[in-house]
N, C-alpha and C. Protein backbone atom coordinates (compact mmCIF):
# COMPACT_ATOMS: atom_id res chain seq x y z
N MET A 1 110.48 82.24 127.71
CA MET A 1 112.35 82.00 126.98
C MET A 1 112.92 82.84 127.34
N TYR A 2 113.94 82.18 127.38
CA TYR A 2 115.06 82.44 128.08
C TYR A 2 116.66 83.77 127.60
N LYS A 3 116.89 85.24 127.32
CA LYS A 3 117.19 85.90 126.18
C LYS A 3 118.50 86.43 127.12
N VAL A 4 120.08 85.72 126.29
CA VAL A 4 121.65 86.22 126.27
C VAL A 4 121.51 87.37 125.87
N GLU A 5 121.95 88.55 127.27
CA GLU A 5 122.58 89.75 126.86
C GLU A 5 123.51 89.72 126.82
N TYR A 6 123.22 90.69 125.36
CA TYR A 6 125.10 90.69 125.32
C TYR A 6 125.78 91.63 125.76
N PRO A 7 127.65 92.30 125.88
CA PRO A 7 127.36 92.84 125.96
C PRO A 7 127.14 94.14 124.21
N ARG A 8 127.47 95.58 124.59
CA ARG A 8 126.56 96.30 123.79
C ARG A 8 128.16 97.07 122.49
N HIS A 9 128.67 96.44 123.27
CA HIS A 9 130.49 96.33 121.67
C HIS A 9 130.37 95.64 121.46
N ARG A 10 130.06 93.56 121.83
CA ARG A 10 130.60 92.61 121.61
C ARG A 10 129.84 92.23 120.00
N ALA A 11 129.05 92.88 118.97
CA ALA A 11 127.95 93.21 118.68
C ALA A 11 128.50 92.89 116.64
N ARG A 12 128.17 91.86 115.97
CA ARG A 12 128.10 91.82 114.60
C ARG A 12 128.44 91.63 113.18
N GLU A 13 128.83 92.01 112.59
CA GLU A 13 128.46 92.96 110.60
C GLU A 13 128.05 91.70 110.28
N TYR A 14 127.22 91.61 109.74
CA TYR A 14 126.78 91.04 108.52
C TYR A 14 126.10 91.66 107.71
N GLU A 15 126.30 90.46 106.33
CA GLU A 15 125.52 91.20 104.95
C GLU A 15 124.80 89.90 104.47
N SER A 16 123.45 90.12 103.64
CA SER A 16 122.40 88.42 103.00
C SER A 16 122.28 89.38 101.26
N VAL A 17 122.34 88.22 101.01
CA VAL A 17 121.66 89.04 99.30
C VAL A 17 120.75 87.66 99.26
N TYR A 18 119.27 88.36 98.93
CA TYR A 18 118.38 87.57 98.71
C TYR A 18 117.56 87.28 97.04
N ILE A 19 117.49 86.64 96.92
CA ILE A 19 116.31 86.47 95.52
C ILE A 19 114.90 85.58 95.02
N LEU A 20 114.38 86.49 95.62
CA LEU A 20 113.23 86.96 94.85
C LEU A 20 111.87 86.52 93.93
N ASN A 21 110.58 85.11 93.76
CA ASN A 21 110.28 84.79 93.27
C ASN A 21 109.92 86.54 91.95
N PRO A 22 109.84 86.46 90.96
CA PRO A 22 110.52 87.19 89.70
C PRO A 22 108.13 87.75 89.09
N ASP A 23 107.68 86.61 90.26
CA ASP A 23 106.77 86.60 89.72
C ASP A 23 105.31 87.40 90.71
N LEU A 24 106.19 87.79 91.80
CA LEU A 24 105.87 88.50 92.81
C LEU A 24 105.41 89.79 92.58
N THR A 25 104.41 90.82 93.37
CA THR A 25 103.64 91.50 92.82
C THR A 25 104.68 92.57 94.27
N LYS A 26 104.72 94.66 94.11
CA LYS A 26 105.23 95.06 94.34
C LYS A 26 105.36 94.88 95.89
N GLU A 27 103.66 94.90 95.76
CA GLU A 27 103.15 94.68 97.79
C GLU A 27 103.69 93.40 98.29
N GLU A 28 103.99 92.04 97.45
CA GLU A 28 103.69 91.40 98.09
C GLU A 28 104.80 91.30 98.18
N ALA A 29 106.43 91.37 97.01
CA ALA A 29 107.86 91.86 98.10
C ALA A 29 108.10 92.22 98.63
N ALA A 30 107.54 93.49 98.82
CA ALA A 30 107.72 94.93 99.53
C ALA A 30 107.43 93.91 101.15
N LYS A 31 106.08 93.50 100.85
CA LYS A 31 105.84 92.93 102.77
C LYS A 31 107.04 91.08 103.18
N ILE A 32 108.16 91.00 102.17
CA ILE A 32 109.07 90.42 102.53
C ILE A 32 109.55 90.88 103.00
N THR A 33 110.65 92.15 102.29
CA THR A 33 111.54 92.57 102.53
C THR A 33 110.74 93.02 104.20
N GLN A 34 110.10 93.32 104.77
CA GLN A 34 109.32 94.19 106.63
C GLN A 34 109.79 93.17 106.47
N ARG A 35 108.87 91.66 107.28
CA ARG A 35 108.83 90.56 107.54
C ARG A 35 110.75 90.79 107.55
N ILE A 36 111.06 89.91 106.97
CA ILE A 36 112.53 90.30 107.36
C ILE A 36 113.54 91.46 108.01
N ASN A 37 113.37 92.46 107.37
CA ASN A 37 113.76 93.34 108.48
C ASN A 37 112.74 93.40 109.88
N LYS A 38 111.60 93.20 109.93
CA LYS A 38 111.39 92.86 111.72
C LYS A 38 112.19 91.67 112.10
N VAL A 39 112.87 90.79 111.64
CA VAL A 39 113.47 89.99 112.03
C VAL A 39 114.31 89.55 113.28
N ILE A 40 114.79 91.01 111.94
CA ILE A 40 116.43 91.80 112.46
C ILE A 40 116.59 92.88 113.66
N GLU A 41 115.33 93.14 113.89
CA GLU A 41 114.87 94.12 114.74
C GLU A 41 114.13 93.74 116.07
N ASN A 42 113.43 92.96 116.15
CA ASN A 42 112.70 91.60 117.31
C ASN A 42 114.11 90.56 118.05
N GLN A 43 115.57 90.99 117.44
CA GLN A 43 116.50 89.97 117.00
C GLN A 43 117.42 90.84 118.40
N GLY A 44 117.06 92.39 118.26
CA GLY A 44 117.88 93.40 118.81
C GLY A 44 119.16 93.27 118.19
N GLY A 45 118.13 93.58 116.42
CA GLY A 45 120.03 94.35 115.63
C GLY A 45 119.41 95.23 114.92
N LYS A 46 120.60 95.95 114.40
CA LYS A 46 121.00 97.37 113.55
C LYS A 46 120.49 96.76 111.95
N LEU A 47 119.51 97.16 111.86
CA LEU A 47 119.66 97.83 109.68
C LEU A 47 120.40 98.79 109.40
N VAL A 48 121.11 98.87 108.72
CA VAL A 48 122.81 99.75 108.60
C VAL A 48 122.71 100.43 106.68
N GLU A 49 121.71 98.74 106.01
CA GLU A 49 121.58 100.01 104.34
C GLU A 49 121.17 98.17 104.44
N MET A 50 119.97 98.68 102.72
CA MET A 50 119.05 98.36 102.39
C MET A 50 118.88 98.19 100.35
N GLN A 51 119.56 97.03 99.82
CA GLN A 51 119.54 97.74 98.09
C GLN A 51 118.12 96.81 97.71
N VAL A 52 117.36 97.47 97.09
CA VAL A 52 116.53 96.44 95.79
C VAL A 52 116.99 96.71 95.05
N TRP A 53 117.56 95.37 94.24
CA TRP A 53 118.41 96.20 93.20
C TRP A 53 117.82 95.39 92.24
N GLY A 54 116.51 94.87 91.81
CA GLY A 54 115.69 94.60 90.49
C GLY A 54 115.15 93.69 90.41
N LYS A 55 114.18 93.64 89.29
CA LYS A 55 114.52 92.49 88.54
C LYS A 55 115.53 91.92 87.61
N ARG A 56 116.61 90.74 87.74
CA ARG A 56 117.54 90.71 87.11
C ARG A 56 117.50 89.34 86.70
N VAL A 57 117.98 88.73 85.60
CA VAL A 57 118.34 87.62 84.07
C VAL A 57 119.27 87.46 85.68
N LEU A 58 119.13 85.67 85.70
CA LEU A 58 120.11 85.59 87.34
C LEU A 58 121.36 84.55 85.80
N ALA A 59 122.03 83.57 86.76
CA ALA A 59 122.47 83.16 85.50
C ALA A 59 122.60 81.69 85.32
N TYR A 60 121.97 80.83 85.71
CA TYR A 60 120.76 80.20 85.89
C TYR A 60 119.06 80.06 86.42
N PRO A 61 119.02 79.38 85.57
CA PRO A 61 117.62 78.93 86.59
C PRO A 61 117.40 78.27 87.25
N ILE A 62 116.45 79.38 88.54
CA ILE A 62 116.04 78.73 89.82
C ILE A 62 114.38 78.58 89.53
N LYS A 63 113.80 77.16 90.17
CA LYS A 63 112.90 76.79 90.41
C LYS A 63 112.24 76.89 88.82
N LYS A 64 112.26 76.57 87.34
CA LYS A 64 112.50 77.06 86.77
C LYS A 64 112.48 78.48 85.77
N LYS A 65 113.03 78.95 87.12
CA LYS A 65 112.49 81.47 87.05
C LYS A 65 114.08 81.85 86.20
N GLU A 66 113.90 82.69 84.85
CA GLU A 66 115.25 82.62 84.07
C GLU A 66 115.58 84.42 85.11
N LYS A 67 114.16 84.67 85.60
CA LYS A 67 114.88 86.05 86.38
C LYS A 67 114.30 86.55 88.84
N GLY A 68 115.20 86.77 88.96
CA GLY A 68 114.74 86.55 89.80
C GLY A 68 114.52 88.31 90.52
N ILE A 69 114.09 88.39 91.36
CA ILE A 69 113.90 90.24 92.41
C ILE A 69 115.55 89.91 93.53
N ILE A 70 116.58 90.58 93.83
CA ILE A 70 117.34 90.20 94.43
C ILE A 70 117.17 91.45 95.22
N ILE A 71 117.94 91.09 96.75
CA ILE A 71 118.19 91.70 97.42
C ILE A 71 118.97 92.36 98.32
N TYR A 72 119.49 93.20 98.69
CA TYR A 72 120.45 93.17 99.06
C TYR A 72 120.75 93.82 101.19
N ILE A 73 120.55 93.12 101.85
CA ILE A 73 120.37 94.52 103.49
C ILE A 73 122.15 93.89 104.35
N LYS A 74 122.81 95.08 105.32
CA LYS A 74 123.40 95.00 106.03
C LYS A 74 123.37 95.19 106.89
N TYR A 75 123.55 93.96 108.15
CA TYR A 75 122.89 94.42 109.87
C TYR A 75 124.09 94.65 110.86
N ILE A 76 123.46 94.90 111.98
CA ILE A 76 124.19 94.38 113.05
C ILE A 76 123.16 93.68 114.06
N GLY A 77 124.41 92.91 114.69
CA GLY A 77 123.37 92.19 115.76
C GLY A 77 124.10 91.30 116.37
N PHE A 78 123.71 91.31 116.86
CA PHE A 78 123.93 89.23 118.42
C PHE A 78 124.21 87.83 117.41
N PRO A 79 125.41 87.75 118.43
CA PRO A 79 124.66 85.77 117.56
C PRO A 79 123.94 85.74 118.17
N GLY A 80 123.03 84.48 117.27
CA GLY A 80 121.70 84.27 116.75
C GLY A 80 121.06 85.15 116.07
N ILE A 81 121.75 85.77 115.54
CA ILE A 81 120.61 86.75 115.39
C ILE A 81 120.82 86.19 113.01
N VAL A 82 122.03 85.38 113.00
CA VAL A 82 121.86 84.88 111.84
C VAL A 82 121.15 83.90 111.43
N GLU A 83 121.26 82.99 112.32
CA GLU A 83 119.76 81.89 112.34
C GLU A 83 118.64 81.90 113.11
N GLU A 84 118.56 82.90 112.81
CA GLU A 84 116.61 83.81 113.09
C GLU A 84 116.60 84.35 112.13
N VAL A 85 117.17 84.32 111.00
CA VAL A 85 117.37 84.67 108.92
C VAL A 85 116.77 84.26 108.90
N GLU A 86 118.19 83.57 109.14
CA GLU A 86 118.11 82.67 107.73
C GLU A 86 117.54 81.14 107.89
N ARG A 87 116.42 80.89 109.07
CA ARG A 87 115.10 80.15 109.07
C ARG A 87 114.10 80.51 109.07
N ASN A 88 113.49 82.27 108.15
CA ASN A 88 112.62 82.99 107.85
C ASN A 88 112.67 83.11 106.72
N PHE A 89 114.35 83.11 106.33
CA PHE A 89 113.97 83.06 104.99
C PHE A 89 114.02 81.64 104.53
N ARG A 90 114.17 80.45 104.99
CA ARG A 90 113.94 79.53 104.76
C ARG A 90 112.06 79.13 105.05
N MET A 91 111.60 79.33 105.67
CA MET A 91 110.04 79.02 105.94
C MET A 91 109.50 79.55 104.64
N ILE A 92 109.83 81.02 103.97
CA ILE A 92 109.04 81.85 102.94
C ILE A 92 108.98 81.15 102.17
N GLU A 93 108.39 80.37 101.25
CA GLU A 93 108.09 79.74 99.96
C GLU A 93 109.27 80.93 99.06
N ASP A 94 108.29 82.24 98.70
CA ASP A 94 108.91 82.76 97.65
C ASP A 94 110.56 82.84 97.52
N VAL A 95 111.40 82.67 99.06
CA VAL A 95 112.74 83.45 98.65
C VAL A 95 113.37 81.79 98.21
N TYR A 96 113.67 82.71 97.19
CA TYR A 96 114.66 81.20 96.13
C TYR A 96 115.62 81.22 96.19
N ARG A 97 116.77 81.75 96.41
CA ARG A 97 118.40 81.93 97.10
C ARG A 97 118.23 82.53 98.60
N PHE A 98 119.89 83.01 99.07
CA PHE A 98 119.89 83.36 99.72
C PHE A 98 121.61 83.02 100.71
N ILE A 99 122.63 84.68 101.01
CA ILE A 99 123.79 83.69 101.28
C ILE A 99 123.31 84.98 102.58
N THR A 100 124.55 83.94 102.91
CA THR A 100 125.06 85.69 103.65
C THR A 100 126.49 85.67 105.08
N VAL A 101 127.42 87.23 105.27
CA VAL A 101 128.33 86.87 105.04
C VAL A 101 128.97 87.60 106.38
N LYS A 102 129.71 86.82 107.25
CA LYS A 102 129.87 88.37 108.43
C LYS A 102 131.26 89.35 107.79
N LEU A 103 130.73 90.79 107.97
CA LEU A 103 131.50 91.27 107.53
C LEU A 103 132.68 92.12 108.95
N ARG A 104 132.20 92.49 109.80
CA ARG A 104 133.60 92.56 111.15
C ARG A 104 132.95 91.83 112.53
N GLU A 105 133.04 91.80 113.38
CA GLU A 105 133.83 91.13 114.51
C GLU A 105 133.80 92.73 115.17
N ASN A 106 133.05 92.12 117.07
CA ASN A 106 133.23 93.48 118.32
C ASN A 106 132.98 94.65 118.01
N VAL A 107 132.05 94.55 117.09
CA VAL A 107 131.10 96.39 116.40
C VAL A 107 130.26 96.51 117.50
N ASP A 108 129.76 98.02 117.75
CA ASP A 108 129.76 98.60 118.50
C ASP A 108 128.38 99.04 118.29
N ILE A 109 127.15 98.48 118.58
CA ILE A 109 126.05 98.14 118.00
C ILE A 109 125.16 99.87 118.03
N ASP A 110 126.37 100.49 119.43
CA ASP A 110 125.30 101.64 119.38
C ASP A 110 125.62 102.82 119.05
N ALA A 111 126.94 102.35 118.39
CA ALA A 111 128.60 103.79 118.38
C ALA A 111 127.49 103.47 116.45
N VAL A 112 127.74 102.74 116.31
CA VAL A 112 126.82 103.26 114.22
C VAL A 112 125.64 103.99 114.22
N GLU A 113 125.67 104.46 113.48
CA GLU A 113 124.54 105.36 113.10
C GLU A 113 124.04 105.07 111.36
N VAL A 114 122.33 105.06 111.98
CA VAL A 114 121.37 104.25 110.51
C VAL A 114 121.09 105.60 110.07
N ASP A 115 121.91 105.47 108.27
CA ASP A 115 121.47 106.95 107.82
C ASP A 115 119.84 106.29 106.89
N LYS A 116 118.85 106.74 106.87
CA LYS A 116 117.45 106.06 106.53
C LYS A 116 118.13 106.35 105.01
N GLU A 117 117.97 106.88 104.46
CA GLU A 117 118.82 107.17 103.35
C GLU A 117 118.48 105.72 102.82
N LYS A 118 119.87 105.17 103.50
CA LYS A 118 120.39 104.07 102.66
C LYS A 118 119.03 102.32 102.47
N ILE A 119 118.39 102.67 103.75
CA ILE A 119 117.06 101.51 103.77
C ILE A 119 115.59 102.82 103.59
N THR A 120 115.46 103.37 103.19
CA THR A 120 114.38 103.64 101.89
C THR A 120 113.94 102.50 100.74
N VAL A 121 112.89 102.31 100.89
CA VAL A 121 112.82 101.61 99.36
C VAL A 121 111.45 101.69 99.14
N ASP A 122 111.69 102.37 97.00
CA ASP A 122 110.23 102.98 96.58
C ASP A 122 109.97 101.34 95.70
N GLU A 123 108.62 102.01 95.78
CA GLU A 123 108.26 99.50 95.80
C GLU A 123 108.13 100.24 93.64
N GLU A 124 108.98 101.12 93.17
CA GLU A 124 109.29 101.26 91.92
C GLU A 124 111.33 100.25 91.73
N SER A 125 110.98 100.55 92.30
CA SER A 125 112.63 99.80 92.36
C SER A 125 112.74 97.49 92.48
N TYR A 126 111.49 97.58 92.78
CA TYR A 126 110.60 96.41 92.39
C TYR A 126 110.27 96.04 91.40
N VAL A 127 110.86 96.62 89.60
CA VAL A 127 110.62 96.99 88.74
C VAL A 127 111.85 96.50 87.56
N TYR A 128 111.95 95.40 86.92
CA TYR A 128 113.14 95.21 86.18
C TYR A 128 113.10 95.84 85.33
N GLU A 129 114.87 96.61 85.37
CA GLU A 129 114.93 97.41 83.57
C GLU A 129 116.36 96.48 83.18
N PRO A 130 115.53 96.48 82.23
CA PRO A 130 116.82 95.55 81.44
C PRO A 130 117.93 96.41 81.30
N VAL A 131 119.29 96.07 81.54
CA VAL A 131 120.62 96.84 80.82
C VAL A 131 121.20 96.57 79.58
N GLU A 132 121.07 97.92 78.70
CA GLU A 132 121.27 97.91 77.74
C GLU A 132 122.15 97.48 76.75
N GLU A 133 122.73 96.32 76.20
CA GLU A 133 123.65 95.84 76.22
C GLU A 133 124.46 96.58 75.50
N GLU A 134 125.54 96.74 74.92
CA GLU A 134 126.26 97.19 73.78
C GLU A 134 126.35 96.52 72.89
N LYS A 135 125.76 97.07 71.34
CA LYS A 135 125.90 96.55 69.70
C LYS A 135 127.41 95.88 69.43
N VAL A 136 127.65 95.14 68.84
CA VAL A 136 129.09 94.57 68.61
C VAL A 136 128.96 95.16 67.05
N GLU A 137 129.90 95.53 66.38
CA GLU A 137 129.49 95.57 64.78
C GLU A 137 129.74 93.95 64.22
N GLU A 138 129.45 92.91 63.25
CA GLU A 138 129.20 91.97 63.33
C GLU A 138 130.47 92.12 61.61
N LYS A 139 131.88 91.40 61.51
CA LYS A 139 132.14 91.90 60.26
C LYS A 139 132.06 90.71 59.31
N THR A 140 131.65 91.15 57.76
CA THR A 140 131.48 89.95 56.54
C THR A 140 132.89 89.81 56.58
N GLU A 141 133.19 88.42 55.74
CA GLU A 141 134.65 88.29 55.15
C GLU A 141 135.32 88.86 53.62
N GLU A 142 134.07 89.55 53.54
CA GLU A 142 134.80 90.66 53.11
C GLU A 142 135.64 91.58 53.11
N GLU A 143 134.72 92.38 54.20
CA GLU A 143 135.21 93.46 54.90
C GLU A 143 136.44 92.91 55.30
N SER A 144 136.69 91.99 56.50
CA SER A 144 137.23 91.28 56.82
C SER A 144 139.45 91.37 56.01
N GLY A 145 138.70 91.29 55.30
CA GLY A 145 140.18 90.30 54.37
C GLY A 145 140.33 91.92 53.38
N LYS A 146 139.40 92.57 52.69
CA LYS A 146 139.34 93.68 52.21
C LYS A 146 140.93 94.24 53.03
N LYS A 147 140.38 94.89 54.81
CA LYS A 147 141.61 95.25 55.92
C LYS A 147 142.62 94.66 55.81
N GLU A 148 142.17 93.47 55.28
CA GLU A 148 143.28 92.28 55.57
C GLU A 148 144.53 93.33 54.21
N GLU A 149 143.89 93.33 53.56
CA GLU A 149 144.93 93.48 51.99
C GLU A 149 145.41 95.18 52.26
N GLU A 150 144.15 95.80 53.03
CA GLU A 150 144.62 97.58 53.28
C GLU A 150 146.26 97.60 54.00
N THR A 151 145.89 96.65 55.11
CA THR A 151 146.84 97.12 56.33
C THR A 151 148.65 96.62 55.32
N LYS A 152 148.29 95.15 54.53
CA LYS A 152 149.57 94.74 53.83
C LYS A 152 150.09 95.85 52.99
N GLN A 153 149.70 96.28 52.21
CA GLN A 153 149.82 97.42 51.10
C GLN A 153 150.58 98.54 51.88
N GLU A 154 149.72 98.51 52.91
CA GLU A 154 149.96 99.93 53.71
C GLU A 154 152.12 99.36 54.55
N THR A 155 152.15 98.64 54.67
CA THR A 155 153.28 97.31 55.67
C THR A 155 154.11 98.03 54.39
N LYS A 156 153.51 97.50 53.09
CA LYS A 156 155.55 97.11 51.75
C LYS A 156 155.45 98.67 51.45
N SER A 157 154.39 99.90 51.23
CA SER A 157 154.84 101.46 51.28
C SER A 157 156.15 101.97 52.26
């Protein structure tokens, strides 16, 4: 296969977010993540940042699932890298949705330094962590009526 060599300063920066099947084990989710990261490396790109946002409730059901494991990656690569990454997303049955956005053009791939702390992921981050909702005090009709009367009396005084 013929591989095109691009100038090192003509790379592009991309970010992708993808949603995995919530029923996957930690090991299976990590294996999919490693596969995508390997595709980026094989295409001559650099993984700059990776965040596992964990298992979250989705805005709407996807494939009859209310939750999904959401993963964010930021990477630098040459033209064609997005097509290959998205092709792999489509091939993996447990990837429900994905989106890729181009952030910048003409990035010097050699000048970008990778911070290993932004890429290291522990298996615990694939676990669902519910966000605590604030409790809203419900007012009964009697309480709201009493407060209205009190404010009317205060304004009269």
